[in-house]
Structure formats: structure tokens, C-alpha cells
C-alpha atoms as a PDB file:
ATOM      1  CA  UNK A   1      33.403  44.943 -65.874  1.00  0.00           C
ATOM      2  CA  UNK A   2      32.658  41.771 -63.939  1.00  0.00           C
ATOM      3  CA  UNK A   3      30.691  39.198 -65.911  1.00  0.00           C
ATOM      4  CA  UNK A   4      27.554  37.746 -64.392  1.00  0.00           C
ATOM      5  CA  UNK A   5      27.138  34.023 -63.752  1.00  0.00           C
ATOM      6  CA  UNK A   6      24.894  32.153 -66.198  1.00  0.00           C
ATOM      7  CA  UNK A   7      22.447  29.533 -64.987  1.00  0.00           C
ATOM      8  CA  UNK A   8      20.049  27.220 -66.793  1.00  0.00           C
ATOM      9  CA  UNK A   9      16.513  27.343 -65.366  1.00  0.00           C
ATOM     10  CA  UNK A  10      13.749  24.848 -66.129  1.00  0.00           C
ATOM     11  CA  UNK A  11      10.186  26.055 -65.839  1.00  0.00           C
ATOM     12  CA  UNK A  12       7.462  23.461 -65.435  1.00  0.00           C
ATOM     13  CA  UNK A  13       4.302  23.878 -67.424  1.00  0.00           C
ATOM     14  CA  UNK A  14       1.708  25.604 -65.258  1.00  0.00           C
ATOM     15  CA  UNK A  15       3.264  27.395 -62.291  1.00  0.00           C
ATOM     16  CA  UNK A  16       5.379  30.472 -62.954  1.00  0.00           C
ATOM     17  CA  UNK A  17       8.327  29.055 -61.034  1.00  0.00           C
ATOM     18  CA  UNK A  18      11.660  27.980 -62.519  1.00  0.00           C
ATOM     19  CA  UNK A  19      14.247  25.703 -60.961  1.00  0.00           C
ATOM     20  CA  UNK A  20      17.997  25.633 -61.311  1.00  0.00           C
ATOM     21  CA  UNK A  21      19.746  22.343 -60.584  1.00  0.00           C
ATOM     22  CA  UNK A  22      23.232  23.917 -60.508  1.00  0.00           C
ATOM     23  CA  UNK A  23      24.363  23.977 -56.841  1.00  0.00           C
ATOM     24  CA  UNK A  24      25.936  27.396 -57.474  1.00  0.00           C
ATOM     25  CA  UNK A  25      22.409  28.855 -57.905  1.00  0.00           C
ATOM     26  CA  UNK A  26      21.536  28.446 -54.263  1.00  0.00           C
ATOM     27  CA  UNK A  27      25.003  29.587 -53.190  1.00  0.00           C
ATOM     28  CA  UNK A  28      25.104  32.719 -55.388  1.00  0.00           C
ATOM     29  CA  UNK A  29      21.421  33.617 -55.640  1.00  0.00           C
ATOM     30  CA  UNK A  30      20.204  32.349 -52.288  1.00  0.00           C
ATOM     31  CA  UNK A  31      17.587  30.153 -53.978  1.00  0.00           C
ATOM     32  CA  UNK A  32      17.309  27.372 -56.528  1.00  0.00           C
ATOM     33  CA  UNK A  33      13.603  28.019 -57.209  1.00  0.00           C
ATOM     34  CA  UNK A  34      12.641  31.474 -58.452  1.00  0.00           C
ATOM     35  CA  UNK A  35       9.399  33.150 -59.520  1.00  0.00           C
ATOM     36  CA  UNK A  36       9.090  34.063 -63.199  1.00  0.00           C
ATOM     37  CA  UNK A  37       7.485  37.105 -64.801  1.00  0.00           C
ATOM     38  CA  UNK A  38       7.145  38.028 -68.465  1.00  0.00           C
ATOM     39  CA  UNK A  39       7.626  41.349 -70.210  1.00  0.00           C
ATOM     40  CA  UNK A  40       5.109  41.558 -73.054  1.00  0.00           C
ATOM     41  CA  UNK A  41       6.416  45.000 -74.079  1.00  0.00           C
ATOM     42  CA  UNK A  42       2.941  46.343 -73.324  1.00  0.00           C
ATOM     43  CA  UNK A  43       3.987  49.151 -70.996  1.00  0.00           C
ATOM     44  CA  UNK A  44       3.715  47.306 -67.685  1.00  0.00           C
ATOM     45  CA  UNK A  45       7.526  47.152 -67.434  1.00  0.00           C
ATOM     46  CA  UNK A  46       9.481  50.417 -67.563  1.00  0.00           C
ATOM     47  CA  UNK A  47      13.137  49.712 -68.373  1.00  0.00           C
ATOM     48  CA  UNK A  48      15.414  52.633 -67.554  1.00  0.00           C
ATOM     49  CA  UNK A  49      17.772  53.733 -64.835  1.00  0.00           C
ATOM     50  CA  UNK A  50      15.187  52.250 -62.485  1.00  0.00           C
ATOM     51  CA  UNK A  51      13.283  49.191 -63.678  1.00  0.00           C
ATOM     52  CA  UNK A  52       9.680  49.227 -62.543  1.00  0.00           C
ATOM     53  CA  UNK A  53       6.754  46.860 -63.011  1.00  0.00           C
ATOM     54  CA  UNK A  54       3.242  48.196 -62.595  1.00  0.00           C
ATOM     55  CA  UNK A  55       0.618  45.649 -63.512  1.00  0.00           C
ATOM     56  CA  UNK A  56      -3.115  45.759 -63.670  1.00  0.00           C
ATOM     57  CA  UNK A  57      -5.817  43.209 -64.568  1.00  0.00           C
ATOM     58  CA  UNK A  58      -6.177  44.595 -68.102  1.00  0.00           C
ATOM     59  CA  UNK A  59      -3.413  42.313 -69.368  1.00  0.00           C
ATOM     60  CA  UNK A  60      -5.482  39.132 -69.066  1.00  0.00           C
ATOM     61  CA  UNK A  61      -8.746  40.587 -67.787  1.00  0.00           C
ATOM     62  CA  UNK A  62      -8.063  39.472 -64.229  1.00  0.00           C
ATOM     63  CA  UNK A  63      -5.432  40.030 -61.527  1.00  0.00           C
ATOM     64  CA  UNK A  64      -3.455  36.904 -62.523  1.00  0.00           C
ATOM     65  CA  UNK A  65      -1.030  37.408 -59.609  1.00  0.00           C
ATOM     66  CA  UNK A  66      -3.868  36.528 -57.209  1.00  0.00           C
ATOM     67  CA  UNK A  67      -4.921  33.318 -58.979  1.00  0.00           C
ATOM     68  CA  UNK A  68      -5.180  30.445 -56.448  1.00  0.00           C
ATOM     69  CA  UNK A  69      -2.503  28.490 -58.340  1.00  0.00           C
ATOM     70  CA  UNK A  70      -0.038  31.341 -57.828  1.00  0.00           C
ATOM     71  CA  UNK A  71       0.264  30.952 -54.026  1.00  0.00           C
ATOM     72  CA  UNK A  72       3.812  29.519 -54.137  1.00  0.00           C
ATOM     73  CA  UNK A  73       4.828  32.126 -56.757  1.00  0.00           C
ATOM     74  CA  UNK A  74       3.562  34.953 -54.512  1.00  0.00           C
ATOM     75  CA  UNK A  75       5.293  33.408 -51.506  1.00  0.00           C
ATOM     76  CA  UNK A  76       8.642  33.270 -53.339  1.00  0.00           C
ATOM     77  CA  UNK A  77       8.314  36.801 -54.695  1.00  0.00           C
ATOM     78  CA  UNK A  78       7.303  38.280 -51.342  1.00  0.00           C
ATOM     79  CA  UNK A  79      10.088  36.396 -49.524  1.00  0.00           C
ATOM     80  CA  UNK A  80      12.729  38.212 -51.567  1.00  0.00           C
ATOM     81  CA  UNK A  81      13.703  35.334 -53.866  1.00  0.00           C
ATOM     82  CA  UNK A  82      15.361  36.569 -57.062  1.00  0.00           C
ATOM     83  CA  UNK A  83      13.038  37.043 -60.040  1.00  0.00           C
ATOM     84  CA  UNK A  84      13.587  35.560 -63.501  1.00  0.00           C
ATOM     85  CA  UNK A  85      12.214  37.945 -66.136  1.00  0.00           C
ATOM     86  CA  UNK A  86      11.502  36.705 -69.680  1.00  0.00           C
ATOM     87  CA  UNK A  87      10.725  38.643 -72.856  1.00  0.00           C
ATOM     88  CA  UNK A  88       7.367  37.389 -74.137  1.00  0.00           C
ATOM     89  CA  UNK A  89       5.082  37.670 -77.118  1.00  0.00           C
ATOM     90  CA  UNK A  90       1.637  39.145 -76.381  1.00  0.00           C
ATOM     91  CA  UNK A  91      -1.414  36.862 -76.438  1.00  0.00           C
ATOM     92  CA  UNK A  92      -2.933  35.844 -79.787  1.00  0.00           C
ATOM     93  CA  UNK A  93      -5.938  33.718 -80.765  1.00  0.00           C
ATOM     94  CA  UNK A  94      -3.594  30.711 -81.115  1.00  0.00           C
ATOM     95  CA  UNK A  95      -1.767  31.399 -77.822  1.00  0.00           C
ATOM     96  CA  UNK A  96      -4.234  33.160 -75.466  1.00  0.00           C
ATOM     97  CA  UNK A  97      -1.652  33.600 -72.686  1.00  0.00           C
ATOM     98  CA  UNK A  98       1.204  34.636 -74.974  1.00  0.00           C
ATOM     99  CA  UNK A  99       4.585  32.981 -75.282  1.00  0.00           C
ATOM    100  CA  UNK A 100       7.124  32.248 -72.570  1.00  0.00           C
ATOM    101  CA  UNK A 101       9.952  34.005 -74.426  1.00  0.00           C
ATOM    102  CA  UNK A 102      13.690  34.326 -73.987  1.00  0.00           C
ATOM    103  CA  UNK A 103      15.175  35.106 -70.561  1.00  0.00           C
ATOM    104  CA  UNK A 104      16.192  38.703 -69.872  1.00  0.00           C
ATOM    105  CA  UNK A 105      17.934  37.878 -66.599  1.00  0.00           C
ATOM    106  CA  UNK A 106      17.645  37.132 -62.901  1.00  0.00           C
ATOM    107  CA  UNK A 107      17.142  40.174 -60.686  1.00  0.00           C
ATOM    108  CA  UNK A 108      16.928  41.242 -57.042  1.00  0.00           C
ATOM    109  CA  UNK A 109      13.575  42.889 -56.352  1.00  0.00           C
ATOM    110  CA  UNK A 110      12.507  45.662 -53.998  1.00  0.00           C
ATOM    111  CA  UNK A 111       9.212  47.235 -52.911  1.00  0.00           C
ATOM    112  CA  UNK A 112       7.063  44.290 -54.038  1.00  0.00           C
ATOM    113  CA  UNK A 113       3.390  45.114 -53.485  1.00  0.00           C
ATOM    114  CA  UNK A 114       0.660  42.637 -54.405  1.00  0.00           C
ATOM    115  CA  UNK A 115      -2.851  44.017 -54.044  1.00  0.00           C
ATOM    116  CA  UNK A 116      -6.269  42.891 -55.243  1.00  0.00           C
ATOM    117  CA  UNK A 117      -6.212  44.844 -58.510  1.00  0.00           C
ATOM    118  CA  UNK A 118      -2.664  46.140 -58.797  1.00  0.00           C
ATOM    119  CA  UNK A 119       0.871  44.843 -58.424  1.00  0.00           C
ATOM    120  CA  UNK A 120       4.162  46.757 -58.390  1.00  0.00           C
ATOM    121  CA  UNK A 121       7.831  46.003 -57.899  1.00  0.00           C
ATOM    122  CA  UNK A 122      11.289  47.351 -58.672  1.00  0.00           C
ATOM    123  CA  UNK A 123      14.300  45.490 -60.032  1.00  0.00           C
ATOM    124  CA  UNK A 124      17.345  46.829 -58.219  1.00  0.00           C
ATOM    125  CA  UNK A 125      20.184  44.540 -59.307  1.00  0.00           C
ATOM    126  CA  UNK A 126      20.863  42.083 -62.109  1.00  0.00           C
ATOM    127  CA  UNK A 127      22.235  38.965 -60.414  1.00  0.00           C
ATOM    128  CA  UNK A 128      22.685  36.487 -63.265  1.00  0.00           C
ATOM    129  CA  UNK A 129      22.125  35.668 -66.900  1.00  0.00           C
ATOM    130  CA  UNK A 130      19.653  32.871 -67.592  1.00  0.00           C
ATOM    131  CA  UNK A 131      19.054  30.274 -70.246  1.00  0.00           C
END
């Protein structure tokens, strides 16, 4: 079994975009900046033979993917940039947006659909490990 490359990504506070300064990122992944999504283990992600995300505004009471500050994130995701997925802790009173969590990996996406009140995508290939 071929081992996957491992890259260190830095995510700035605010936008859900992470950057990798390693020049191999752009060469192997086709991008050094990638959108980030979190898996809160709340049923929006289905991990199986096919990995599917089906989100709705119930998670935060609004369609967060359409927030004005997410324009660059949407652009990256819709352009086919790889997606960094992180395991997160659900929101609490102390952390109303939940935690960032540990990286699960960097994936190639397919069938990304961003609508007003629903968003879906498939992960079709794990491209790299992330830290």
C-alpha cells in the first residue's frame, strides 16, 4: 500500500481556508490554499464506501456556506481545490461554533452543490494526510 504524503496546513482565524507553505503541496495537490470543513459527527457526513456530505442550516441555524465572508471558500470548493476535513466537537455554550478539531485528511471532491438552504458534496479520493 502506497503511503500518502503528509502536509502541515495553517488555518487563519476567521476564514475556513488553510494554507500549506510546503512547495510540494501545490505540485502534488494542485493548490497551496484549500477550503476546510468540519465533521461534527452530527450526521451531516456519511463515512462509508462513498463519503457524502449533506448539510442544512440546522447546524448553526443558518446556511453558513452562503455567509458573505465565505466567498473565497466557496470559490475554492467550487473550483475543484482539494478539501481539508477536520473532526470537530459540536458547539457548546462556551464555544458556540464548536472546535476546529484534528485533521482527518485532504480529499478530492465531486458533485459539489451549494444552494440557498442545502449543500452537498462527495469525497472521492484521499490525497494526503494533514497536520
